[in-house]
Amino acid sequence: MSQKVRQLLEAFADLQQQNRQLEEALAAARRDGADAGAVQRISDLEAEVRQLKKENKTLKEREKLIRNKTERLAVKLGEIDI
């Protein structure tokens, strides 16, 4: 084989290696991007859970107030002879 052909084959092999490395880097970047998206989604879901917990607490407080008022009304109605 001539020197020129050998150089071309070596250059081609180098380009193939660089191509594989770039493909691996691209795949890693896609995975990282997917991971970043998953992290963002988890963060969004955690924020939603915090909001729902606040709403649940508010609803429980309202339920307690309503129960107390209902009990007081029942006591008052029990005091009144109808």
C-alpha atoms as a PDB file:
ATOM      1  CA  MET A   1       0.000   0.000   0.000  1.00  0.00           C
ATOM      2  CA  SER A   2       1.274   3.403  -0.804  1.00  0.00           C
ATOM      3  CA  GLN A   3       1.998   5.963   1.860  1.00  0.00           C
ATOM      4  CA  LYS A   4      -0.879   8.174   0.659  1.00  0.00           C
ATOM      5  CA  VAL A   5      -3.453   5.351   0.935  1.00  0.00           C
ATOM      6  CA  ARG A   6      -2.227   4.521   4.442  1.00  0.00           C
ATOM      7  CA  GLN A   7      -2.564   8.160   5.470  1.00  0.00           C
ATOM      8  CA  LEU A   8      -6.084   8.319   4.040  1.00  0.00           C
ATOM      9  CA  LEU A   9      -7.083   5.118   5.869  1.00  0.00           C
ATOM     10  CA  GLU A  10      -5.648   6.453   9.130  1.00  0.00           C
ATOM     11  CA  ALA A  11      -7.434   9.768   8.626  1.00  0.00           C
ATOM     12  CA  PHE A  12     -10.672   7.879   7.912  1.00  0.00           C
ATOM     13  CA  ALA A  13     -10.216   5.782  11.080  1.00  0.00           C
ATOM     14  CA  ASP A  14      -9.583   8.971  13.089  1.00  0.00           C
ATOM     15  CA  LEU A  15     -12.741  10.545  11.671  1.00  0.00           C
ATOM     16  CA  GLN A  16     -14.745   7.439  12.549  1.00  0.00           C
ATOM     17  CA  GLN A  17     -13.400   7.591  16.118  1.00  0.00           C
ATOM     18  CA  GLN A  18     -14.257  11.288  16.381  1.00  0.00           C
ATOM     19  CA  ASN A  19     -17.724  10.545  15.008  1.00  0.00           C
ATOM     20  CA  ARG A  20     -18.280   7.857  17.684  1.00  0.00           C
ATOM     21  CA  GLN A  21     -17.111  10.255  20.391  1.00  0.00           C
ATOM     22  CA  LEU A  22     -19.436  12.965  19.116  1.00  0.00           C
ATOM     23  CA  GLU A  23     -22.350  10.511  19.005  1.00  0.00           C
ATOM     24  CA  GLU A  24     -21.602   9.467  22.586  1.00  0.00           C
ATOM     25  CA  ALA A  25     -21.383  13.102  23.657  1.00  0.00           C
ATOM     26  CA  LEU A  26     -24.680  13.836  21.911  1.00  0.00           C
ATOM     27  CA  ALA A  27     -26.347  10.847  23.577  1.00  0.00           C
ATOM     28  CA  ALA A  28     -25.015  12.003  26.959  1.00  0.00           C
ATOM     29  CA  ALA A  29     -26.293  15.521  26.319  1.00  0.00           C
ATOM     30  CA  ARG A  30     -29.723  14.112  25.446  1.00  0.00           C
ATOM     31  CA  ARG A  31     -29.718  12.025  28.633  1.00  0.00           C
ATOM     32  CA  ASP A  32     -28.685  15.061  30.665  1.00  0.00           C
ATOM     33  CA  GLY A  33     -31.410  17.066  28.978  1.00  0.00           C
ATOM     34  CA  ALA A  34     -33.933  14.360  29.803  1.00  0.00           C
ATOM     35  CA  ASP A  35     -32.632  14.297  33.365  1.00  0.00           C
ATOM     36  CA  ALA A  36     -32.968  18.065  33.576  1.00  0.00           C
ATOM     37  CA  GLY A  37     -36.523  17.770  32.283  1.00  0.00           C
ATOM     38  CA  ALA A  38     -37.284  15.082  34.837  1.00  0.00           C
ATOM     39  CA  VAL A  39     -35.781  17.203  37.602  1.00  0.00           C
ATOM     40  CA  GLN A  40     -37.922  20.151  36.515  1.00  0.00           C
ATOM     41  CA  ARG A  41     -41.038  17.956  36.440  1.00  0.00           C
ATOM     42  CA  ILE A  42     -40.259  16.633  39.928  1.00  0.00           C
ATOM     43  CA  SER A  43     -39.767  20.195  41.142  1.00  0.00           C
ATOM     44  CA  ASP A  44     -43.108  21.196  39.604  1.00  0.00           C
ATOM     45  CA  LEU A  45     -44.839  18.225  41.226  1.00  0.00           C
ATOM     46  CA  GLU A  46     -43.287  19.032  44.605  1.00  0.00           C
ATOM     47  CA  ALA A  47     -44.567  22.606  44.323  1.00  0.00           C
ATOM     48  CA  GLU A  48     -48.014  21.270  43.426  1.00  0.00           C
ATOM     49  CA  VAL A  49     -47.937  18.938  46.450  1.00  0.00           C
ATOM     50  CA  ARG A  50     -47.024  21.864  48.729  1.00  0.00           C
ATOM     51  CA  GLN A  51     -49.914  23.880  47.309  1.00  0.00           C
ATOM     52  CA  LEU A  52     -52.343  20.985  47.766  1.00  0.00           C
ATOM     53  CA  LYS A  53     -51.167  20.518  51.362  1.00  0.00           C
ATOM     54  CA  LYS A  54     -51.871  24.195  52.041  1.00  0.00           C
ATOM     55  CA  GLU A  55     -55.321  23.878  50.494  1.00  0.00           C
ATOM     56  CA  ASN A  56     -55.965  20.699  52.491  1.00  0.00           C
ATOM     57  CA  LYS A  57     -54.939  22.461  55.708  1.00  0.00           C
ATOM     58  CA  THR A  58     -57.271  25.357  54.887  1.00  0.00           C
ATOM     59  CA  LEU A  59     -60.123  22.943  54.183  1.00  0.00           C
ATOM     60  CA  LYS A  60     -59.495  21.076  57.442  1.00  0.00           C
ATOM     61  CA  GLU A  61     -59.533  24.374  59.353  1.00  0.00           C
ATOM     62  CA  ARG A  62     -62.816  25.353  57.675  1.00  0.00           C
ATOM     63  CA  GLU A  63     -64.264  21.919  58.425  1.00  0.00           C
ATOM     64  CA  LYS A  64     -63.302  22.328  62.095  1.00  0.00           C
ATOM     65  CA  LEU A  65     -64.941  25.779  62.251  1.00  0.00           C
ATOM     66  CA  ILE A  66     -68.104  24.456  60.609  1.00  0.00           C
ATOM     67  CA  ARG A  67     -68.203  21.498  63.001  1.00  0.00           C
ATOM     68  CA  ASN A  68     -67.803  23.817  65.999  1.00  0.00           C
ATOM     69  CA  LYS A  69     -70.562  26.128  64.750  1.00  0.00           C
ATOM     70  CA  THR A  70     -72.813  23.141  64.067  1.00  0.00           C
ATOM     71  CA  GLU A  71     -72.235  21.815  67.589  1.00  0.00           C
ATOM     72  CA  ARG A  72     -72.991  25.239  69.107  1.00  0.00           C
ATOM     73  CA  LEU A  73     -76.181  25.494  67.051  1.00  0.00           C
ATOM     74  CA  ALA A  74     -77.195  21.998  68.149  1.00  0.00           C
ATOM     75  CA  VAL A  75     -76.665  22.998  71.781  1.00  0.00           C
ATOM     76  CA  LYS A  76     -78.715  26.182  71.304  1.00  0.00           C
ATOM     77  CA  LEU A  77     -81.479  24.251  69.550  1.00  0.00           C
ATOM     78  CA  GLY A  78     -81.446  21.738  72.398  1.00  0.00           C
ATOM     79  CA  GLU A  79     -82.037  24.602  74.829  1.00  0.00           C
ATOM     80  CA  ILE A  80     -85.071  25.796  72.876  1.00  0.00           C
ATOM     81  CA  ASP A  81     -88.297  23.871  73.312  1.00  0.00           C
ATOM     82  CA  ILE A  82     -90.079  23.669  70.000  1.00  0.00           C
END
